[in-house]
Every structure is written in structure tokens, then in C-alpha cells.
């Protein structure tokens, strides 16, 4: 069997939602990457936190499901990375880190 036919007939191949779901989900990663260009004041802390939890849960799902869906794992690992970066921008913009440094200096 040729490699292309093996890929086509794979349980995680392009004939299944196990392939197209993660491909479509990469749009979320793309949108998050574009949002990194926006000022941090526009970031929703609640939504970014929810996206971090969502991606963490689905990374675990992609790892434990049989057969393992590495494409879904990659998609959510990428989203988790971008969302954590956004969350760090939000925290810095809100001044949470500066408050902690000032409290530590006072004690």
C-alpha cells in the first residue's frame, strides 16, 4: 500500500473529523496570534483563563484517546502557549506583578 493511500485510510486521516477538527481549531491559534499585536488593555482576563483551561483539558484528551491524536495535541499545545503569553500580558498590564514587588519590599 502506498504511503498516500495509507494516510488517506488512516483512522486519523483526512476522511475523518479527527483530522479536520484540529485543522479547523488552528484558526483559534491564528486569531490568538493576531491578538498579540493588540494593546494588553484589550485582553479579557476571564476569557483568556478559560481558553487556557480549555486547551489544557483537550491536550489531555488528545493524549489519552485511542488512537492518540497528535494533531489535536499540537493544536491545543500551540493554543495553550499563545493563551499563556496573552495571560502574562494581561497580568502585567493590570499591575498585579508590580503590587507583589511593592508588598515584598515593604516587609
C-alpha atoms as a PDB file:
ATOM      1  CA  UNK A   1       0.000   0.000   0.000  1.00  0.00           C
ATOM      2  CA  UNK A   2       1.380   3.408  -0.927  1.00  0.00           C
ATOM      3  CA  UNK A   3       2.085   5.983   1.813  1.00  0.00           C
ATOM      4  CA  UNK A   4      -0.556   8.334   0.454  1.00  0.00           C
ATOM      5  CA  UNK A   5      -3.202   5.586   0.462  1.00  0.00           C
ATOM      6  CA  UNK A   6      -2.170   4.590   3.994  1.00  0.00           C
ATOM      7  CA  UNK A   7      -2.545   8.221   5.105  1.00  0.00           C
ATOM      8  CA  UNK A   8      -5.901   8.522   3.339  1.00  0.00           C
ATOM      9  CA  UNK A   9      -7.286   5.371   5.017  1.00  0.00           C
ATOM     10  CA  UNK A  10      -5.750   6.052   8.452  1.00  0.00           C
ATOM     11  CA  UNK A  11      -8.241   6.287  11.375  1.00  0.00           C
ATOM     12  CA  UNK A  12      -6.902   9.816  11.920  1.00  0.00           C
ATOM     13  CA  UNK A  13      -6.652  10.645   8.227  1.00  0.00           C
ATOM     14  CA  UNK A  14      -8.394  13.299   6.123  1.00  0.00           C
ATOM     15  CA  UNK A  15     -11.591  11.248   5.793  1.00  0.00           C
ATOM     16  CA  UNK A  16     -12.344  11.771   9.495  1.00  0.00           C
ATOM     17  CA  UNK A  17     -13.242  14.539  11.921  1.00  0.00           C
ATOM     18  CA  UNK A  18     -10.146  13.514  13.907  1.00  0.00           C
ATOM     19  CA  UNK A  19      -8.189  15.265  11.156  1.00  0.00           C
ATOM     20  CA  UNK A  20     -10.432  18.187  10.185  1.00  0.00           C
ATOM     21  CA  UNK A  21     -11.383  19.153  13.758  1.00  0.00           C
ATOM     22  CA  UNK A  22      -7.812  20.045  14.760  1.00  0.00           C
ATOM     23  CA  UNK A  23      -7.179  21.704  11.390  1.00  0.00           C
ATOM     24  CA  UNK A  24     -10.194  23.956  11.944  1.00  0.00           C
ATOM     25  CA  UNK A  25      -9.152  24.559  15.556  1.00  0.00           C
ATOM     26  CA  UNK A  26      -5.872  26.074  14.359  1.00  0.00           C
ATOM     27  CA  UNK A  27      -7.990  29.119  13.436  1.00  0.00           C
ATOM     28  CA  UNK A  28      -8.272  29.819  17.189  1.00  0.00           C
ATOM     29  CA  UNK A  29      -4.474  29.744  17.435  1.00  0.00           C
ATOM     30  CA  UNK A  30      -4.215  32.099  14.461  1.00  0.00           C
ATOM     31  CA  UNK A  31      -6.699  34.532  15.989  1.00  0.00           C
ATOM     32  CA  UNK A  32      -4.792  34.488  19.276  1.00  0.00           C
ATOM     33  CA  UNK A  33      -1.529  35.170  17.452  1.00  0.00           C
ATOM     34  CA  UNK A  34      -3.103  38.140  15.697  1.00  0.00           C
ATOM     35  CA  UNK A  35      -4.403  39.400  19.067  1.00  0.00           C
ATOM     36  CA  UNK A  36      -0.848  39.555  20.413  1.00  0.00           C
ATOM     37  CA  UNK A  37      -0.488  42.719  18.306  1.00  0.00           C
ATOM     38  CA  UNK A  38      -3.341  44.444  20.164  1.00  0.00           C
ATOM     39  CA  UNK A  39      -2.693  46.504  23.301  1.00  0.00           C
ATOM     40  CA  UNK A  40      -2.892  44.461  26.529  1.00  0.00           C
ATOM     41  CA  UNK A  41      -5.757  46.624  27.787  1.00  0.00           C
ATOM     42  CA  UNK A  42      -7.998  44.893  25.244  1.00  0.00           C
ATOM     43  CA  UNK A  43      -7.336  41.395  26.668  1.00  0.00           C
ATOM     44  CA  UNK A  44     -10.146  39.738  28.607  1.00  0.00           C
ATOM     45  CA  UNK A  45      -8.569  38.051  31.619  1.00  0.00           C
ATOM     46  CA  UNK A  46     -11.599  35.809  32.154  1.00  0.00           C
ATOM     47  CA  UNK A  47     -11.743  34.613  28.562  1.00  0.00           C
ATOM     48  CA  UNK A  48      -8.005  34.050  28.348  1.00  0.00           C
ATOM     49  CA  UNK A  49      -8.102  31.983  31.539  1.00  0.00           C
ATOM     50  CA  UNK A  50     -10.995  29.927  30.172  1.00  0.00           C
ATOM     51  CA  UNK A  51      -9.071  29.324  26.937  1.00  0.00           C
ATOM     52  CA  UNK A  52      -6.045  28.144  28.956  1.00  0.00           C
ATOM     53  CA  UNK A  53      -8.179  25.657  30.903  1.00  0.00           C
ATOM     54  CA  UNK A  54      -9.970  24.540  27.724  1.00  0.00           C
ATOM     55  CA  UNK A  55      -6.727  23.849  25.876  1.00  0.00           C
ATOM     56  CA  UNK A  56      -5.200  22.061  28.859  1.00  0.00           C
ATOM     57  CA  UNK A  57      -8.214  19.755  29.113  1.00  0.00           C
ATOM     58  CA  UNK A  58      -8.195  18.979  25.406  1.00  0.00           C
ATOM     59  CA  UNK A  59      -4.444  18.353  25.403  1.00  0.00           C
ATOM     60  CA  UNK A  60      -5.083  15.660  27.984  1.00  0.00           C
ATOM     61  CA  UNK A  61      -7.995  14.292  25.946  1.00  0.00           C
ATOM     62  CA  UNK A  62      -5.860  14.140  22.786  1.00  0.00           C
ATOM     63  CA  UNK A  63      -3.219  12.208  24.722  1.00  0.00           C
ATOM     64  CA  UNK A  64      -5.497   9.603  26.367  1.00  0.00           C
ATOM     65  CA  UNK A  65      -7.870   8.927  23.450  1.00  0.00           C
ATOM     66  CA  UNK A  66      -7.059   5.859  21.349  1.00  0.00           C
ATOM     67  CA  UNK A  67      -5.611   6.183  18.805  1.00  0.00           C
ATOM     68  CA  UNK A  68      -3.691   9.192  20.119  1.00  0.00           C
ATOM     69  CA  UNK A  69      -4.498  12.308  18.175  1.00  0.00           C
ATOM     70  CA  UNK A  70      -1.158  14.100  17.876  1.00  0.00           C
ATOM     71  CA  UNK A  71      -2.589  16.754  15.567  1.00  0.00           C
ATOM     72  CA  UNK A  72      -5.175  17.728  18.197  1.00  0.00           C
ATOM     73  CA  UNK A  73      -2.459  17.684  20.849  1.00  0.00           C
ATOM     74  CA  UNK A  74      -0.285  20.003  18.749  1.00  0.00           C
ATOM     75  CA  UNK A  75      -3.205  22.333  18.108  1.00  0.00           C
ATOM     76  CA  UNK A  76      -4.076  22.713  21.783  1.00  0.00           C
ATOM     77  CA  UNK A  77      -0.440  22.906  22.907  1.00  0.00           C
ATOM     78  CA  UNK A  78       0.000  25.780  20.455  1.00  0.00           C
ATOM     79  CA  UNK A  79      -3.147  27.472  21.745  1.00  0.00           C
ATOM     80  CA  UNK A  80      -2.081  26.955  25.365  1.00  0.00           C
ATOM     81  CA  UNK A  81       1.262  28.625  24.638  1.00  0.00           C
ATOM     82  CA  UNK A  82      -0.300  31.666  22.971  1.00  0.00           C
ATOM     83  CA  UNK A  83      -3.011  31.999  25.627  1.00  0.00           C
ATOM     84  CA  UNK A  84      -0.474  31.833  28.471  1.00  0.00           C
ATOM     85  CA  UNK A  85       1.510  34.568  26.739  1.00  0.00           C
ATOM     86  CA  UNK A  86      -1.661  36.662  26.468  1.00  0.00           C
ATOM     87  CA  UNK A  87      -2.463  36.000  30.126  1.00  0.00           C
ATOM     88  CA  UNK A  88       1.020  37.181  31.127  1.00  0.00           C
ATOM     89  CA  UNK A  89       0.477  40.375  29.110  1.00  0.00           C
ATOM     90  CA  UNK A  90      -2.868  40.897  30.859  1.00  0.00           C
ATOM     91  CA  UNK A  91      -1.375  40.368  34.328  1.00  0.00           C
ATOM     92  CA  UNK A  92       1.475  42.786  33.625  1.00  0.00           C
ATOM     93  CA  UNK A  93      -0.905  45.413  32.205  1.00  0.00           C
ATOM     94  CA  UNK A  94      -3.163  45.181  35.262  1.00  0.00           C
ATOM     95  CA  UNK A  95      -0.170  45.806  37.518  1.00  0.00           C
ATOM     96  CA  UNK A  96      -0.558  42.618  39.539  1.00  0.00           C
ATOM     97  CA  UNK A  97       3.148  41.862  39.370  1.00  0.00           C
ATOM     98  CA  UNK A  98       4.126  45.400  40.435  1.00  0.00           C
ATOM     99  CA  UNK A  99       1.875  45.174  43.503  1.00  0.00           C
ATOM    100  CA  UNK A 100       3.561  41.938  44.611  1.00  0.00           C
ATOM    101  CA  UNK A 101       7.024  43.500  44.258  1.00  0.00           C
ATOM    102  CA  UNK A 102       5.965  46.535  46.318  1.00  0.00           C
ATOM    103  CA  UNK A 103       4.451  44.329  49.042  1.00  0.00           C
ATOM    104  CA  UNK A 104       7.634  42.272  49.217  1.00  0.00           C
ATOM    105  CA  UNK A 105       9.757  45.437  49.595  1.00  0.00           C
ATOM    106  CA  UNK A 106       7.554  46.739  52.432  1.00  0.00           C
ATOM    107  CA  UNK A 107       8.005  43.589  54.532  1.00  0.00           C
END
